[in-house]
PDB file of all heavy atoms in Angstrom:
ATOM      1  N   ALA A   1      11.503  10.411  64.245  1.00  0.00           N
ATOM      2  CA  ALA A   1      12.500  11.376  63.758  1.00  0.00           C
ATOM      3  C   ALA A   1      12.396  12.685  64.539  1.00  0.00           C
ATOM      4  O   ALA A   1      13.422  13.258  64.942  1.00  0.00           O
ATOM      5  CB  ALA A   1      12.318  11.619  62.271  1.00  0.00           C
ATOM      6  N   LEU A   2      11.178  13.155  64.761  1.00  0.00           N
ATOM      7  CA  LEU A   2      10.990  14.370  65.563  1.00  0.00           C
ATOM      8  C   LEU A   2      11.518  14.176  66.985  1.00  0.00           C
ATOM      9  O   LEU A   2      12.153  15.068  67.550  1.00  0.00           O
ATOM     10  CB  LEU A   2       9.518  14.768  65.609  1.00  0.00           C
ATOM     11  CG  LEU A   2       8.938  15.347  64.338  1.00  0.00           C
ATOM     12  CD1 LEU A   2       7.454  15.641  64.533  1.00  0.00           C
ATOM     13  CD2 LEU A   2       9.675  16.596  63.905  1.00  0.00           C
ATOM     14  N   HIS A   3      11.248  13.009  67.539  1.00  0.00           N
ATOM     15  CA  HIS A   3      11.731  12.693  68.884  1.00  0.00           C
ATOM     16  C   HIS A   3      13.255  12.767  68.941  1.00  0.00           C
ATOM     17  O   HIS A   3      13.824  13.336  69.884  1.00  0.00           O
ATOM     18  CB  HIS A   3      11.247  11.295  69.286  1.00  0.00           C
ATOM     19  CG  HIS A   3      11.860  10.768  70.536  1.00  0.00           C
ATOM     20  ND1 HIS A   3      12.992   9.997  70.536  1.00  0.00           N
ATOM     21  CD2 HIS A   3      11.507  10.915  71.832  1.00  0.00           C
ATOM     22  CE1 HIS A   3      13.315   9.685  71.770  1.00  0.00           C
ATOM     23  NE2 HIS A   3      12.415  10.226  72.582  1.00  0.00           N
ATOM     24  N   GLN A   4      13.915  12.206  67.938  1.00  0.00           N
ATOM     25  CA  GLN A   4      15.373  12.227  67.903  1.00  0.00           C
ATOM     26  C   GLN A   4      15.902  13.657  67.788  1.00  0.00           C
ATOM     27  O   GLN A   4      16.887  14.011  68.430  1.00  0.00           O
ATOM     28  CB  GLN A   4      15.898  11.377  66.738  1.00  0.00           C
ATOM     29  CG  GLN A   4      15.761   9.892  66.969  1.00  0.00           C
ATOM     30  CD  GLN A   4      16.502   9.442  68.197  1.00  0.00           C
ATOM     31  OE1 GLN A   4      15.905   9.188  69.237  1.00  0.00           O
ATOM     32  NE2 GLN A   4      17.797   9.329  68.094  1.00  0.00           N
ATOM     33  N   ILE A   5      15.252  14.471  66.980  1.00  0.00           N
ATOM     34  CA  ILE A   5      15.674  15.863  66.827  1.00  0.00           C
ATOM     35  C   ILE A   5      15.524  16.614  68.143  1.00  0.00           C
ATOM     36  O   ILE A   5      16.442  17.296  68.597  1.00  0.00           O
ATOM     37  CB  ILE A   5      14.880  16.552  65.704  1.00  0.00           C
ATOM     38  CG1 ILE A   5      15.271  15.953  64.349  1.00  0.00           C
ATOM     39  CG2 ILE A   5      15.105  18.063  65.712  1.00  0.00           C
ATOM     40  CD1 ILE A   5      14.342  16.339  63.213  1.00  0.00           C
ATOM     41  N   VAL A   6      14.361  16.469  68.762  1.00  0.00           N
ATOM     42  CA  VAL A   6      14.102  17.191  70.014  1.00  0.00           C
ATOM     43  C   VAL A   6      15.035  16.731  71.127  1.00  0.00           C
ATOM     44  O   VAL A   6      15.629  17.555  71.825  1.00  0.00           O
ATOM     45  CB  VAL A   6      12.621  17.041  70.443  1.00  0.00           C
ATOM     46  CG1 VAL A   6      12.388  17.557  71.839  1.00  0.00           C
ATOM     47  CG2 VAL A   6      11.708  17.758  69.453  1.00  0.00           C
ATOM     48  N   THR A   7      15.198  15.430  71.288  1.00  0.00           N
ATOM     49  CA  THR A   7      16.080  14.962  72.360  1.00  0.00           C
ATOM     50  C   THR A   7      17.540  15.284  72.046  1.00  0.00           C
ATOM     51  O   THR A   7      18.329  15.513  72.958  1.00  0.00           O
ATOM     52  CB  THR A   7      15.926  13.452  72.629  1.00  0.00           C
ATOM     53  OG1 THR A   7      16.194  12.712  71.432  1.00  0.00           O
ATOM     54  CG2 THR A   7      14.552  13.127  73.163  1.00  0.00           C
ATOM     55  N   GLY A   8      17.889  15.324  70.772  1.00  0.00           N
ATOM     56  CA  GLY A   8      19.249  15.689  70.404  1.00  0.00           C
ATOM     57  C   GLY A   8      19.558  17.147  70.687  1.00  0.00           C
ATOM     58  O   GLY A   8      20.646  17.491  71.151  1.00  0.00           O
ATOM     59  N   LEU A   9      18.579  18.017  70.416  1.00  0.00           N
ATOM     60  CA  LEU A   9      18.780  19.446  70.642  1.00  0.00           C
ATOM     61  C   LEU A   9      18.654  19.851  72.101  1.00  0.00           C
ATOM     62  O   LEU A   9      19.247  20.838  72.526  1.00  0.00           O
ATOM     63  CB  LEU A   9      17.789  20.255  69.795  1.00  0.00           C
ATOM     64  CG  LEU A   9      17.990  20.185  68.281  1.00  0.00           C
ATOM     65  CD1 LEU A   9      16.857  20.906  67.567  1.00  0.00           C
ATOM     66  CD2 LEU A   9      19.337  20.749  67.878  1.00  0.00           C
ATOM     67  N   THR A  10      17.877  19.103  72.857  1.00  0.00           N
ATOM     68  CA  THR A  10      17.635  19.476  74.252  1.00  0.00           C
ATOM     69  C   THR A  10      18.265  18.497  75.236  1.00  0.00           C
ATOM     70  O   THR A  10      17.937  18.522  76.421  1.00  0.00           O
ATOM     71  CB  THR A  10      16.123  19.566  74.542  1.00  0.00           C
ATOM     72  OG1 THR A  10      15.533  18.282  74.319  1.00  0.00           O
ATOM     73  CG2 THR A  10      15.448  20.605  73.681  1.00  0.00           C
ATOM     74  N   GLY A  11      19.152  17.667  74.755  1.00  0.00           N
ATOM     75  CA  GLY A  11      19.767  16.649  75.612  1.00  0.00           C
ATOM     76  C   GLY A  11      20.450  17.231  76.828  1.00  0.00           C
ATOM     77  O   GLY A  11      20.380  16.674  77.923  1.00  0.00           O
ATOM     78  N   HIS A  12      21.098  18.370  76.668  1.00  0.00           N
ATOM     79  CA  HIS A  12      21.793  18.982  77.809  1.00  0.00           C
ATOM     80  C   HIS A  12      20.821  19.524  78.849  1.00  0.00           C
ATOM     81  O   HIS A  12      21.189  19.695  80.006  1.00  0.00           O
ATOM     82  CB  HIS A  12      22.709  20.107  77.306  1.00  0.00           C
ATOM     83  CG  HIS A  12      21.987  21.238  76.683  1.00  0.00           C
ATOM     84  ND1 HIS A  12      21.451  21.162  75.408  1.00  0.00           N
ATOM     85  CD2 HIS A  12      21.682  22.469  77.149  1.00  0.00           C
ATOM     86  CE1 HIS A  12      20.872  22.316  75.128  1.00  0.00           C
ATOM     87  NE2 HIS A  12      20.988  23.126  76.155  1.00  0.00           N
ATOM     88  N   LEU A  13      19.576  19.763  78.459  1.00  0.00           N
ATOM     89  CA  LEU A  13      18.578  20.292  79.399  1.00  0.00           C
ATOM     90  C   LEU A  13      17.914  19.188  80.218  1.00  0.00           C
ATOM     91  O   LEU A  13      17.538  19.423  81.364  1.00  0.00           O
ATOM     92  CB  LEU A  13      17.492  21.065  78.648  1.00  0.00           C
ATOM     93  CG  LEU A  13      17.949  22.294  77.867  1.00  0.00           C
ATOM     94  CD1 LEU A  13      16.775  22.872  77.089  1.00  0.00           C
ATOM     95  CD2 LEU A  13      18.532  23.337  78.806  1.00  0.00           C
ATOM     96  N   ILE A  14      17.774  18.008  79.613  1.00  0.00           N
ATOM     97  CA  ILE A  14      17.049  16.951  80.318  1.00  0.00           C
ATOM     98  C   ILE A  14      17.968  15.938  80.989  1.00  0.00           C
ATOM     99  O   ILE A  14      17.506  15.014  81.642  1.00  0.00           O
ATOM    100  CB  ILE A  14      16.034  16.245  79.385  1.00  0.00           C
ATOM    101  CG1 ILE A  14      16.710  15.656  78.146  1.00  0.00           C
ATOM    102  CG2 ILE A  14      14.927  17.176  78.983  1.00  0.00           C
ATOM    103  CD1 ILE A  14      15.783  14.900  77.221  1.00  0.00           C
ATOM    104  N   GLY A  15      19.256  16.094  80.817  1.00  0.00           N
ATOM    105  CA  GLY A  15      20.248  15.322  81.563  1.00  0.00           C
ATOM    106  C   GLY A  15      20.139  13.820  81.446  1.00  0.00           C
ATOM    107  O   GLY A  15      20.266  13.263  80.366  1.00  0.00           O
ATOM    108  N   ASP A  16      19.923  13.152  82.581  1.00  0.00           N
ATOM    109  CA  ASP A  16      19.924  11.692  82.631  1.00  0.00           C
ATOM    110  C   ASP A  16      18.822  11.072  81.781  1.00  0.00           C
ATOM    111  O   ASP A  16      18.993   9.972  81.259  1.00  0.00           O
ATOM    112  CB  ASP A  16      19.782  11.203  84.069  1.00  0.00           C
ATOM    113  CG  ASP A  16      21.012  11.511  84.902  1.00  0.00           C
ATOM    114  OD1 ASP A  16      22.099  11.665  84.311  1.00  0.00           O
ATOM    115  OD2 ASP A  16      20.875  11.599  86.135  1.00  0.00           O
ATOM    116  N   LEU A  17      17.721  11.762  81.650  1.00  0.00           N
ATOM    117  CA  LEU A  17      16.628  11.253  80.826  1.00  0.00           C
ATOM    118  C   LEU A  17      17.077  11.116  79.378  1.00  0.00           C
ATOM    119  O   LEU A  17      16.680  10.190  78.673  1.00  0.00           O
ATOM    120  CB  LEU A  17      15.417  12.184  80.930  1.00  0.00           C
ATOM    121  CG  LEU A  17      14.117  11.710  80.295  1.00  0.00           C
ATOM    122  CD1 LEU A  17      13.693  10.372  80.900  1.00  0.00           C
ATOM    123  CD2 LEU A  17      13.039  12.749  80.500  1.00  0.00           C
ATOM    124  N   PHE A  18      17.957  12.014  78.928  1.00  0.00           N
ATOM    125  CA  PHE A  18      18.507  11.952  77.578  1.00  0.00           C
ATOM    126  C   PHE A  18      19.239  10.644  77.354  1.00  0.00           C
ATOM    127  O   PHE A  18      19.139  10.038  76.275  1.00  0.00           O
ATOM    128  CB  PHE A  18      19.465  13.126  77.343  1.00  0.00           C
ATOM    129  CG  PHE A  18      20.255  13.013  76.066  1.00  0.00           C
ATOM    130  CD1 PHE A  18      19.675  13.365  74.866  1.00  0.00           C
ATOM    131  CD2 PHE A  18      21.556  12.553  76.068  1.00  0.00           C
ATOM    132  CE1 PHE A  18      20.383  13.266  73.680  1.00  0.00           C
ATOM    133  CE2 PHE A  18      22.276  12.445  74.900  1.00  0.00           C
ATOM    134  CZ  PHE A  18      21.682  12.808  73.707  1.00  0.00           C
ATOM    135  N   GLU A  19      19.979  10.196  78.361  1.00  0.00           N
ATOM    136  CA  GLU A  19      20.767   8.966  78.239  1.00  0.00           C
ATOM    137  C   GLU A  19      19.890   7.746  77.972  1.00  0.00           C
ATOM    138  O   GLU A  19      20.364   6.752  77.426  1.00  0.00           O
ATOM    139  CB  GLU A  19      21.586   8.732  79.511  1.00  0.00           C
ATOM    140  CG  GLU A  19      22.589   9.817  79.807  1.00  0.00           C
ATOM    141  CD  GLU A  19      23.700   9.892  78.770  1.00  0.00           C
ATOM    142  OE1 GLU A  19      24.057   8.846  78.191  1.00  0.00           O
ATOM    143  OE2 GLU A  19      24.201  11.010  78.535  1.00  0.00           O
ATOM    144  N   THR A  20      18.630   7.807  78.341  1.00  0.00           N
ATOM    145  CA  THR A  20      17.698   6.715  78.103  1.00  0.00           C
ATOM    146  C   THR A  20      16.909   6.917  76.818  1.00  0.00           C
ATOM    147  O   THR A  20      16.791   6.006  75.999  1.00  0.00           O
ATOM    148  CB  THR A  20      16.707   6.582  79.283  1.00  0.00           C
ATOM    149  OG1 THR A  20      17.450   6.399  80.474  1.00  0.00           O
ATOM    150  CG2 THR A  20      15.764   5.431  79.082  1.00  0.00           C
ATOM    151  N   LEU A  21      16.362   8.114  76.644  1.00  0.00           N
ATOM    152  CA  LEU A  21      15.454   8.365  75.537  1.00  0.00           C
ATOM    153  C   LEU A  21      16.129   8.392  74.167  1.00  0.00           C
ATOM    154  O   LEU A  21      15.618   7.811  73.206  1.00  0.00           O
ATOM    155  CB  LEU A  21      14.723   9.702  75.745  1.00  0.00           C
ATOM    156  CG  LEU A  21      13.723   9.763  76.872  1.00  0.00           C
ATOM    157  CD1 LEU A  21      13.126  11.154  76.973  1.00  0.00           C
ATOM    158  CD2 LEU A  21      12.635   8.732  76.671  1.00  0.00           C
ATOM    159  N   HIS A  22      17.245   9.076  74.049  1.00  0.00           N
ATOM    160  CA  HIS A  22      17.847   9.266  72.732  1.00  0.00           C
ATOM    161  C   HIS A  22      18.384   7.960  72.122  1.00  0.00           C
ATOM    162  O   HIS A  22      18.070   7.666  70.962  1.00  0.00           O
ATOM    163  CB  HIS A  22      18.929  10.346  72.797  1.00  0.00           C
ATOM    164  CG  HIS A  22      19.333  10.851  71.464  1.00  0.00           C
ATOM    165  ND1 HIS A  22      18.530  11.654  70.680  1.00  0.00           N
ATOM    166  CD2 HIS A  22      20.473  10.666  70.758  1.00  0.00           C
ATOM    167  CE1 HIS A  22      19.145  11.939  69.558  1.00  0.00           C
ATOM    168  NE2 HIS A  22      20.337  11.347  69.576  1.00  0.00           N
ATOM    169  N   PRO A  23      19.152   7.159  72.848  1.00  0.00           N
ATOM    170  CA  PRO A  23      19.621   5.895  72.253  1.00  0.00           C
ATOM    171  C   PRO A  23      18.481   4.925  71.917  1.00  0.00           C
ATOM    172  O   PRO A  23      18.495   4.287  70.864  1.00  0.00           O
ATOM    173  CB  PRO A  23      20.534   5.303  73.319  1.00  0.00           C
ATOM    174  CG  PRO A  23      20.960   6.460  74.140  1.00  0.00           C
ATOM    175  CD  PRO A  23      19.799   7.408  74.136  1.00  0.00           C
ATOM    176  N   ALA A  24      17.502   4.832  72.795  1.00  0.00           N
ATOM    177  CA  ALA A  24      16.366   3.940  72.533  1.00  0.00           C
ATOM    178  C   ALA A  24      15.590   4.418  71.313  1.00  0.00           C
ATOM    179  O   ALA A  24      15.172   3.607  70.474  1.00  0.00           O
ATOM    180  CB  ALA A  24      15.453   3.884  73.751  1.00  0.00           C
ATOM    181  N   GLY A  25      15.413   5.721  71.199  1.00  0.00           N
ATOM    182  CA  GLY A  25      14.743   6.283  70.028  1.00  0.00           C
ATOM    183  C   GLY A  25      15.529   6.037  68.753  1.00  0.00           C
ATOM    184  O   GLY A  25      14.950   5.814  67.688  1.00  0.00           O
ATOM    185  N   GLY A  26      16.847   6.072  68.851  1.00  0.00           N
ATOM    186  CA  GLY A  26      17.683   5.799  67.691  1.00  0.00           C
ATOM    187  C   GLY A  26      17.551   4.369  67.201  1.00  0.00           C
ATOM    188  O   GLY A  26      17.500   4.117  65.993  1.00  0.00           O
ATOM    189  N   ILE A  27      17.479   3.438  68.124  1.00  0.00           N
ATOM    190  CA  ILE A  27      17.289   2.030  67.754  1.00  0.00           C
ATOM    191  C   ILE A  27      15.929   1.839  67.093  1.00  0.00           C
ATOM    192  O   ILE A  27      15.818   1.200  66.044  1.00  0.00           O
ATOM    193  CB  ILE A  27      17.452   1.116  68.985  1.00  0.00           C
ATOM    194  CG1 ILE A  27      18.903   1.141  69.456  1.00  0.00           C
ATOM    195  CG2 ILE A  27      16.984  -0.310  68.683  1.00  0.00           C
ATOM    196  CD1 ILE A  27      19.133   0.510  70.811  1.00  0.00           C
ATOM    197  N   LEU A  28      14.892   2.412  67.692  1.00  0.00           N
ATOM    198  CA  LEU A  28      13.550   2.325  67.112  1.00  0.00           C
ATOM    199  C   LEU A  28      13.517   2.965  65.733  1.00  0.00           C
ATOM    200  O   LEU A  28      12.926   2.422  64.796  1.00  0.00           O
ATOM    201  CB  LEU A  28      12.525   2.989  68.036  1.00  0.00           C
ATOM    202  CG  LEU A  28      11.084   2.989  67.543  1.00  0.00           C
ATOM    203  CD1 LEU A  28      10.581   1.560  67.341  1.00  0.00           C
ATOM    204  CD2 LEU A  28      10.193   3.748  68.510  1.00  0.00           C
ATOM    205  N   PHE A  29      14.170   4.107  65.573  1.00  0.00           N
ATOM    206  CA  PHE A  29      14.229   4.792  64.288  1.00  0.00           C
ATOM    207  C   PHE A  29      14.886   3.902  63.232  1.00  0.00           C
ATOM    208  O   PHE A  29      14.396   3.792  62.102  1.00  0.00           O
ATOM    209  CB  PHE A  29      14.988   6.111  64.427  1.00  0.00           C
ATOM    210  CG  PHE A  29      15.006   6.940  63.184  1.00  0.00           C
ATOM    211  CD1 PHE A  29      13.921   7.724  62.840  1.00  0.00           C
ATOM    212  CD2 PHE A  29      16.114   6.943  62.354  1.00  0.00           C
ATOM    213  CE1 PHE A  29      13.930   8.485  61.691  1.00  0.00           C
ATOM    214  CE2 PHE A  29      16.144   7.699  61.205  1.00  0.00           C
ATOM    215  CZ  PHE A  29      15.036   8.481  60.867  1.00  0.00           C
ATOM    216  N   GLY A  30      15.977   3.254  63.592  1.00  0.00           N
ATOM    217  CA  GLY A  30      16.667   2.360  62.662  1.00  0.00           C
ATOM    218  C   GLY A  30      15.811   1.181  62.244  1.00  0.00           C
ATOM    219  O   GLY A  30      15.762   0.821  61.061  1.00  0.00           O
ATOM    220  N   VAL A  31      15.125   0.579  63.196  1.00  0.00           N
ATOM    221  CA  VAL A  31      14.252  -0.558  62.899  1.00  0.00           C
ATOM    222  C   VAL A  31      13.115  -0.122  61.978  1.00  0.00           C
ATOM    223  O   VAL A  31      12.800  -0.798  60.985  1.00  0.00           O
ATOM    224  CB  VAL A  31      13.706  -1.186  64.200  1.00  0.00           C
ATOM    225  CG1 VAL A  31      12.604  -2.190  63.917  1.00  0.00           C
ATOM    226  CG2 VAL A  31      14.834  -1.835  64.986  1.00  0.00           C
ATOM    227  N   LEU A  32      12.502   1.012  62.294  1.00  0.00           N
ATOM    228  CA  LEU A  32      11.412   1.512  61.453  1.00  0.00           C
ATOM    229  C   LEU A  32      11.894   1.870  60.049  1.00  0.00           C
ATOM    230  O   LEU A  32      11.191   1.642  59.067  1.00  0.00           O
ATOM    231  CB  LEU A  32      10.752   2.732  62.105  1.00  0.00           C
ATOM    232  CG  LEU A  32       9.912   2.443  63.344  1.00  0.00           C
ATOM    233  CD1 LEU A  32       9.524   3.743  64.026  1.00  0.00           C
ATOM    234  CD2 LEU A  32       8.683   1.639  62.980  1.00  0.00           C
ATOM    235  N   ALA A  33      13.096   2.416  59.944  1.00  0.00           N
ATOM    236  CA  ALA A  33      13.647   2.746  58.632  1.00  0.00           C
ATOM    237  C   ALA A  33      13.844   1.477  57.803  1.00  0.00           C
ATOM    238  O   ALA A  33      13.535   1.465  56.602  1.00  0.00           O
ATOM    239  CB  ALA A  33      14.959   3.492  58.791  1.00  0.00           C
ATOM    240  N   LEU A  34      14.337   0.410  58.420  1.00  0.00           N
ATOM    241  CA  LEU A  34      14.502  -0.855  57.698  1.00  0.00           C
ATOM    242  C   LEU A  34      13.155  -1.427  57.251  1.00  0.00           C
ATOM    243  O   LEU A  34      13.026  -1.904  56.123  1.00  0.00           O
ATOM    244  CB  LEU A  34      15.244  -1.868  58.563  1.00  0.00           C
ATOM    245  CG  LEU A  34      16.734  -1.606  58.756  1.00  0.00           C
ATOM    246  CD1 LEU A  34      17.322  -2.599  59.752  1.00  0.00           C
ATOM    247  CD2 LEU A  34      17.469  -1.681  57.437  1.00  0.00           C
ATOM    248  N   ILE A  35      12.159  -1.363  58.128  1.00  0.00           N
ATOM    249  CA  ILE A  35      10.817  -1.828  57.764  1.00  0.00           C
ATOM    250  C   ILE A  35      10.273  -0.995  56.609  1.00  0.00           C
ATOM    251  O   ILE A  35       9.682  -1.524  55.660  1.00  0.00           O
ATOM    252  CB  ILE A  35       9.871  -1.781  58.977  1.00  0.00           C
ATOM    253  CG1 ILE A  35      10.307  -2.806  60.018  1.00  0.00           C
ATOM    254  CG2 ILE A  35       8.422  -2.039  58.560  1.00  0.00           C
ATOM    255  CD1 ILE A  35       9.606  -2.672  61.358  1.00  0.00           C
ATOM    256  N   HIS A  36      10.484   0.304  56.653  1.00  0.00           N
ATOM    257  CA  HIS A  36      10.041   1.206  55.595  1.00  0.00           C
ATOM    258  C   HIS A  36      10.683   0.819  54.250  1.00  0.00           C
ATOM    259  O   HIS A  36      10.002   0.766  53.221  1.00  0.00           O
ATOM    260  CB  HIS A  36      10.393   2.645  55.969  1.00  0.00           C
ATOM    261  CG  HIS A  36      10.066   3.656  54.933  1.00  0.00           C
ATOM    262  ND1 HIS A  36       8.808   4.163  54.764  1.00  0.00           N
ATOM    263  CD2 HIS A  36      10.852   4.253  54.009  1.00  0.00           C
ATOM    264  CE1 HIS A  36       8.831   5.033  53.770  1.00  0.00           C
ATOM    265  NE2 HIS A  36      10.069   5.106  53.292  1.00  0.00           N
ATOM    266  N   ILE A  37      11.968   0.535  54.263  1.00  0.00           N
ATOM    267  CA  ILE A  37      12.665   0.142  53.033  1.00  0.00           C
ATOM    268  C   ILE A  37      12.138  -1.197  52.513  1.00  0.00           C
ATOM    269  O   ILE A  37      11.906  -1.358  51.311  1.00  0.00           O
ATOM    270  CB  ILE A  37      14.185   0.094  53.265  1.00  0.00           C
ATOM    271  CG1 ILE A  37      14.716   1.517  53.467  1.00  0.00           C
ATOM    272  CG2 ILE A  37      14.898  -0.576  52.096  1.00  0.00           C
ATOM    273  CD1 ILE A  37      16.143   1.594  53.951  1.00  0.00           C
ATOM    274  N   VAL A  38      11.930  -2.142  53.411  1.00  0.00           N
ATOM    275  CA  VAL A  38      11.402  -3.451  52.995  1.00  0.00           C
ATOM    276  C   VAL A  38      10.024  -3.301  52.364  1.00  0.00           C
ATOM    277  O   VAL A  38       9.737  -3.886  51.313  1.00  0.00           O
ATOM    278  CB  VAL A  38      11.358  -4.427  54.198  1.00  0.00           C
ATOM    279  CG1 VAL A  38      10.556  -5.668  53.871  1.00  0.00           C
ATOM    280  CG2 VAL A  38      12.765  -4.790  54.631  1.00  0.00           C
ATOM    281  N   LEU A  39       9.164  -2.491  52.973  1.00  0.00           N
ATOM    282  CA  LEU A  39       7.818  -2.306  52.444  1.00  0.00           C
ATOM    283  C   LEU A  39       7.821  -1.567  51.106  1.00  0.00           C
ATOM    284  O   LEU A  39       6.898  -1.718  50.310  1.00  0.00           O
ATOM    285  CB  LEU A  39       6.945  -1.547  53.451  1.00  0.00           C
ATOM    286  CG  LEU A  39       6.579  -2.325  54.709  1.00  0.00           C
ATOM    287  CD1 LEU A  39       5.868  -1.416  55.704  1.00  0.00           C
ATOM    288  CD2 LEU A  39       5.717  -3.524  54.369  1.00  0.00           C
ATOM    289  N   ASN A  40       8.855  -0.774  50.856  1.00  0.00           N
ATOM    290  CA  ASN A  40       8.949  -0.022  49.606  1.00  0.00           C
ATOM    291  C   ASN A  40       9.986  -0.613  48.655  1.00  0.00           C
ATOM    292  O   ASN A  40      10.448   0.066  47.742  1.00  0.00           O
ATOM    293  CB  ASN A  40       9.301   1.443  49.904  1.00  0.00           C
ATOM    294  CG  ASN A  40       8.133   2.178  50.482  1.00  0.00           C
ATOM    295  OD1 ASN A  40       7.110   2.329  49.842  1.00  0.00           O
ATOM    296  ND2 ASN A  40       8.281   2.617  51.724  1.00  0.00           N
ATOM    297  N   TRP A  41      10.350  -1.879  48.849  1.00  0.00           N
ATOM    298  CA  TRP A  41      11.428  -2.469  48.066  1.00  0.00           C
ATOM    299  C   TRP A  41      11.127  -2.480  46.560  1.00  0.00           C
ATOM    300  O   TRP A  41      12.025  -2.302  45.746  1.00  0.00           O
ATOM    301  CB  TRP A  41      11.748  -3.869  48.555  1.00  0.00           C
ATOM    302  CG  TRP A  41      12.997  -4.382  47.915  1.00  0.00           C
ATOM    303  CD1 TRP A  41      13.103  -5.407  47.039  1.00  0.00           C
ATOM    304  CD2 TRP A  41      14.318  -3.870  48.092  1.00  0.00           C
ATOM    305  NE1 TRP A  41      14.410  -5.559  46.659  1.00  0.00           N
ATOM    306  CE2 TRP A  41      15.187  -4.620  47.296  1.00  0.00           C
ATOM    307  CE3 TRP A  41      14.859  -2.828  48.857  1.00  0.00           C
ATOM    308  CZ2 TRP A  41      16.548  -4.381  47.229  1.00  0.00           C
ATOM    309  CZ3 TRP A  41      16.224  -2.593  48.796  1.00  0.00           C
ATOM    310  CH2 TRP A  41      17.049  -3.364  47.985  1.00  0.00           C
ATOM    311  N   ALA A  42       9.880  -2.678  46.180  1.00  0.00           N
ATOM    312  CA  ALA A  42       9.531  -2.670  44.749  1.00  0.00           C
ATOM    313  C   ALA A  42       9.858  -1.300  44.136  1.00  0.00           C
ATOM    314  O   ALA A  42      10.398  -1.236  43.023  1.00  0.00           O
ATOM    315  CB  ALA A  42       8.057  -3.002  44.563  1.00  0.00           C
ATOM    316  N   TRP A  43       9.560  -0.244  44.841  1.00  0.00           N
ATOM    317  CA  TRP A  43       9.891   1.103  44.351  1.00  0.00           C
ATOM    318  C   TRP A  43      11.397   1.307  44.288  1.00  0.00           C
ATOM    319  O   TRP A  43      11.904   1.882  43.326  1.00  0.00           O
ATOM    320  CB  TRP A  43       9.255   2.159  45.261  1.00  0.00           C
ATOM    321  CG  TRP A  43       9.495   3.556  44.767  1.00  0.00           C
ATOM    322  CD1 TRP A  43       8.685   4.272  43.947  1.00  0.00           C
ATOM    323  CD2 TRP A  43      10.618   4.384  45.057  1.00  0.00           C
ATOM    324  NE1 TRP A  43       9.250   5.489  43.694  1.00  0.00           N
ATOM    325  CE2 TRP A  43      10.442   5.607  44.376  1.00  0.00           C
ATOM    326  CE3 TRP A  43      11.770   4.235  45.830  1.00  0.00           C
ATOM    327  CZ2 TRP A  43      11.355   6.636  44.436  1.00  0.00           C
ATOM    328  CZ3 TRP A  43      12.685   5.263  45.884  1.00  0.00           C
ATOM    329  CH2 TRP A  43      12.472   6.454  45.192  1.00  0.00           C
TER     330      TRP A  43
END
């Protein structure tokens, strides 16, 4: 989540690197969020 915030706020500064880091981080964030929900499904 911190990675997504930082790359989102500084995307214009890091240019082409943003095009790789931010989308990949978003996919990882989504997968981790689903795993988190599955592990907490009883709650």
